[in-house]
Amino acid sequence: MLIFIIFIENSAFFYVFGSRCAQLGLRFYQHFAYIHPFYDANGRIARILMIIYLLINNLTIKREPFDQSKGKFLKRLNRCHERFETDKSDQYFKYFFQFMKKFITPSNLNEDEC
């Protein structure tokens, strides 16, 4: 849990704009799923929090193509987790991010539409 708190404090998580938002949203998801703070539903809670963070930053995940690639997503996420506290952690996160960034797009939600 301490690793997760340090990540949030050091990343200026809520003050980043542009393409870095997608990267931080995925890092958050990776860290949250890795520390597994709850008995059940960690992945679902992490996805909800990541989606909210992306929406706050006017980004969204294209659901249909992502859902079709969920097995590949889990495989890459598990590879990140296997190397989480090693010197290869960043390398595998980049691999994970390269896979995921094709699903992250600008949100079409307008404040006027709410």
C-alpha atoms as a PDB file:
ATOM      1  CA  MET A   1       0.000   0.000   0.000  1.00  0.00           C
ATOM      2  CA  LEU A   2       2.874   2.383   0.753  1.00  0.00           C
ATOM      3  CA  ILE A   3       4.152   1.991  -2.837  1.00  0.00           C
ATOM      4  CA  PHE A   4       0.715   3.060  -4.093  1.00  0.00           C
ATOM      5  CA  ILE A   5       0.582   6.141  -1.845  1.00  0.00           C
ATOM      6  CA  ILE A   6       4.084   7.197  -2.892  1.00  0.00           C
ATOM      7  CA  PHE A   7       3.056   6.774  -6.557  1.00  0.00           C
ATOM      8  CA  ILE A   8       0.065   9.081  -6.075  1.00  0.00           C
ATOM      9  CA  GLU A   9       2.132  11.700  -4.215  1.00  0.00           C
ATOM     10  CA  ASN A  10       5.063  11.679  -6.652  1.00  0.00           C
ATOM     11  CA  SER A  11       3.154  11.672  -9.912  1.00  0.00           C
ATOM     12  CA  ALA A  12       1.220  14.906  -9.463  1.00  0.00           C
ATOM     13  CA  PHE A  13      -1.608  12.567 -10.386  1.00  0.00           C
ATOM     14  CA  PHE A  14      -4.352  15.176 -10.435  1.00  0.00           C
ATOM     15  CA  TYR A  15      -2.372  17.957 -12.133  1.00  0.00           C
ATOM     16  CA  VAL A  16      -1.252  16.372 -15.390  1.00  0.00           C
ATOM     17  CA  PHE A  17      -2.732  17.151 -18.782  1.00  0.00           C
ATOM     18  CA  GLY A  18      -2.473  15.774 -22.316  1.00  0.00           C
ATOM     19  CA  SER A  19      -1.206  12.340 -23.332  1.00  0.00           C
ATOM     20  CA  ARG A  20       0.481  11.784 -19.967  1.00  0.00           C
ATOM     21  CA  CYS A  21      -3.000  11.454 -18.419  1.00  0.00           C
ATOM     22  CA  ALA A  22      -3.574   8.144 -20.188  1.00  0.00           C
ATOM     23  CA  GLN A  23      -0.222   6.857 -18.978  1.00  0.00           C
ATOM     24  CA  LEU A  24      -0.920   7.882 -15.377  1.00  0.00           C
ATOM     25  CA  GLY A  25      -4.420   6.410 -15.507  1.00  0.00           C
ATOM     26  CA  LEU A  26      -2.956   3.071 -16.565  1.00  0.00           C
ATOM     27  CA  ARG A  27      -0.183   3.296 -13.957  1.00  0.00           C
ATOM     28  CA  PHE A  28      -2.834   3.898 -11.338  1.00  0.00           C
ATOM     29  CA  TYR A  29      -4.754   0.850 -12.542  1.00  0.00           C
ATOM     30  CA  GLN A  30      -1.596  -1.278 -12.535  1.00  0.00           C
ATOM     31  CA  HIS A  31      -0.596  -0.219  -9.012  1.00  0.00           C
ATOM     32  CA  PHE A  32      -4.087  -0.571  -7.574  1.00  0.00           C
ATOM     33  CA  ALA A  33      -4.600  -4.031  -9.062  1.00  0.00           C
ATOM     34  CA  TYR A  34      -1.122  -5.081  -7.912  1.00  0.00           C
ATOM     35  CA  ILE A  35      -1.547  -4.119  -4.260  1.00  0.00           C
ATOM     36  CA  HIS A  36      -4.953  -5.842  -4.213  1.00  0.00           C
ATOM     37  CA  PRO A  37      -6.346  -3.877  -1.234  1.00  0.00           C
ATOM     38  CA  PHE A  38      -9.731  -5.611  -1.064  1.00  0.00           C
ATOM     39  CA  TYR A  39     -10.810  -9.212  -0.694  1.00  0.00           C
ATOM     40  CA  ASP A  40     -12.821  -9.095  -3.913  1.00  0.00           C
ATOM     41  CA  ALA A  41     -13.505  -6.833  -6.927  1.00  0.00           C
ATOM     42  CA  ASN A  42     -10.073  -5.163  -7.076  1.00  0.00           C
ATOM     43  CA  GLY A  43      -9.981  -5.223 -10.872  1.00  0.00           C
ATOM     44  CA  ARG A  44     -13.475  -3.771 -11.219  1.00  0.00           C
ATOM     45  CA  ILE A  45     -12.807  -1.025  -8.686  1.00  0.00           C
ATOM     46  CA  ALA A  46      -9.481  -0.189 -10.352  1.00  0.00           C
ATOM     47  CA  ARG A  47     -11.172  -0.010 -13.781  1.00  0.00           C
ATOM     48  CA  ILE A  48     -13.927   2.255 -12.459  1.00  0.00           C
ATOM     49  CA  LEU A  49     -11.403   4.598 -10.841  1.00  0.00           C
ATOM     50  CA  MET A  50      -9.256   4.617 -13.987  1.00  0.00           C
ATOM     51  CA  ILE A  51     -12.277   5.388 -16.184  1.00  0.00           C
ATOM     52  CA  ILE A  52     -13.331   8.236 -13.873  1.00  0.00           C
ATOM     53  CA  TYR A  53      -9.785   9.644 -13.937  1.00  0.00           C
ATOM     54  CA  LEU A  54      -9.669   9.434 -17.736  1.00  0.00           C
ATOM     55  CA  LEU A  55     -13.094  11.096 -18.059  1.00  0.00           C
ATOM     56  CA  ILE A  56     -12.028  13.932 -15.754  1.00  0.00           C
ATOM     57  CA  ASN A  57      -9.168  14.469 -18.199  1.00  0.00           C
ATOM     58  CA  ASN A  58     -11.455  14.237 -21.265  1.00  0.00           C
ATOM     59  CA  LEU A  59     -10.308  10.760 -22.262  1.00  0.00           C
ATOM     60  CA  THR A  60     -12.228   7.518 -22.599  1.00  0.00           C
ATOM     61  CA  ILE A  61     -11.654   3.870 -23.463  1.00  0.00           C
ATOM     62  CA  LYS A  62     -13.210   2.476 -26.630  1.00  0.00           C
ATOM     63  CA  ARG A  63     -15.157  -0.384 -25.026  1.00  0.00           C
ATOM     64  CA  GLU A  64     -15.959  -2.698 -27.938  1.00  0.00           C
ATOM     65  CA  PRO A  65     -12.425  -3.137 -29.321  1.00  0.00           C
ATOM     66  CA  PHE A  66     -11.066  -3.292 -25.765  1.00  0.00           C
ATOM     67  CA  ASP A  67     -13.542  -5.994 -24.748  1.00  0.00           C
ATOM     68  CA  GLN A  68     -12.447  -8.074 -27.752  1.00  0.00           C
ATOM     69  CA  SER A  69      -8.818  -7.812 -26.592  1.00  0.00           C
ATOM     70  CA  LYS A  70      -9.371  -8.417 -22.878  1.00  0.00           C
ATOM     71  CA  GLY A  71      -7.282 -11.605 -22.861  1.00  0.00           C
ATOM     72  CA  LYS A  72      -4.305  -9.734 -24.322  1.00  0.00           C
ATOM     73  CA  PHE A  73      -4.854  -6.942 -21.802  1.00  0.00           C
ATOM     74  CA  LEU A  74      -4.760  -9.370 -18.861  1.00  0.00           C
ATOM     75  CA  LYS A  75      -1.676 -11.114 -20.248  1.00  0.00           C
ATOM     76  CA  ARG A  76       0.222  -7.820 -20.482  1.00  0.00           C
ATOM     77  CA  LEU A  77      -1.005  -6.658 -17.079  1.00  0.00           C
ATOM     78  CA  ASN A  78       0.131  -9.924 -15.485  1.00  0.00           C
ATOM     79  CA  ARG A  79       3.567  -9.522 -17.086  1.00  0.00           C
ATOM     80  CA  CYS A  80       3.787  -6.074 -15.492  1.00  0.00           C
ATOM     81  CA  HIS A  81       2.804  -7.531 -12.122  1.00  0.00           C
ATOM     82  CA  GLU A  82       5.392 -10.316 -12.361  1.00  0.00           C
ATOM     83  CA  ARG A  83       8.121  -7.695 -12.761  1.00  0.00           C
ATOM     84  CA  PHE A  84       6.565  -4.990 -10.595  1.00  0.00           C
ATOM     85  CA  GLU A  85       9.389  -4.508  -8.125  1.00  0.00           C
ATOM     86  CA  THR A  86      12.257  -5.315 -10.501  1.00  0.00           C
ATOM     87  CA  ASP A  87      14.460  -3.202 -12.748  1.00  0.00           C
ATOM     88  CA  LYS A  88      12.312  -4.295 -15.733  1.00  0.00           C
ATOM     89  CA  SER A  89       9.114  -2.769 -14.349  1.00  0.00           C
ATOM     90  CA  ASP A  90       9.209   0.343 -16.563  1.00  0.00           C
ATOM     91  CA  GLN A  91      10.051  -1.677 -19.661  1.00  0.00           C
ATOM     92  CA  TYR A  92       7.018  -3.912 -19.179  1.00  0.00           C
ATOM     93  CA  PHE A  93       4.771  -0.986 -18.348  1.00  0.00           C
ATOM     94  CA  LYS A  94       5.755   0.605 -21.678  1.00  0.00           C
ATOM     95  CA  TYR A  95       4.796  -2.658 -23.380  1.00  0.00           C
ATOM     96  CA  PHE A  96       1.448  -2.566 -21.536  1.00  0.00           C
ATOM     97  CA  PHE A  97       0.897   1.126 -22.361  1.00  0.00           C
ATOM     98  CA  GLN A  98       1.705   0.636 -26.070  1.00  0.00           C
ATOM     99  CA  PHE A  99      -1.000  -2.018 -26.193  1.00  0.00           C
ATOM    100  CA  MET A 100      -3.568   0.089 -24.311  1.00  0.00           C
ATOM    101  CA  LYS A 101      -3.073   3.494 -25.915  1.00  0.00           C
ATOM    102  CA  LYS A 102      -4.871   2.408 -29.093  1.00  0.00           C
ATOM    103  CA  PHE A 103      -8.049   2.066 -26.990  1.00  0.00           C
ATOM    104  CA  ILE A 104      -7.809   5.469 -25.288  1.00  0.00           C
ATOM    105  CA  THR A 105      -9.346   8.378 -27.174  1.00  0.00           C
ATOM    106  CA  PRO A 106     -10.565  11.894 -26.428  1.00  0.00           C
ATOM    107  CA  SER A 107     -13.954  11.911 -24.752  1.00  0.00           C
ATOM    108  CA  ASN A 108     -16.875  13.336 -26.696  1.00  0.00           C
ATOM    109  CA  LEU A 109     -18.697  14.241 -23.504  1.00  0.00           C
ATOM    110  CA  ASN A 110     -19.381  17.947 -23.344  1.00  0.00           C
ATOM    111  CA  GLU A 111     -20.277  19.732 -20.129  1.00  0.00           C
ATOM    112  CA  ASP A 112     -23.246  21.222 -22.026  1.00  0.00           C
ATOM    113  CA  GLU A 113     -24.581  17.705 -22.633  1.00  0.00           C
ATOM    114  CA  CYS A 114     -24.743  16.807 -18.916  1.00  0.00           C
END
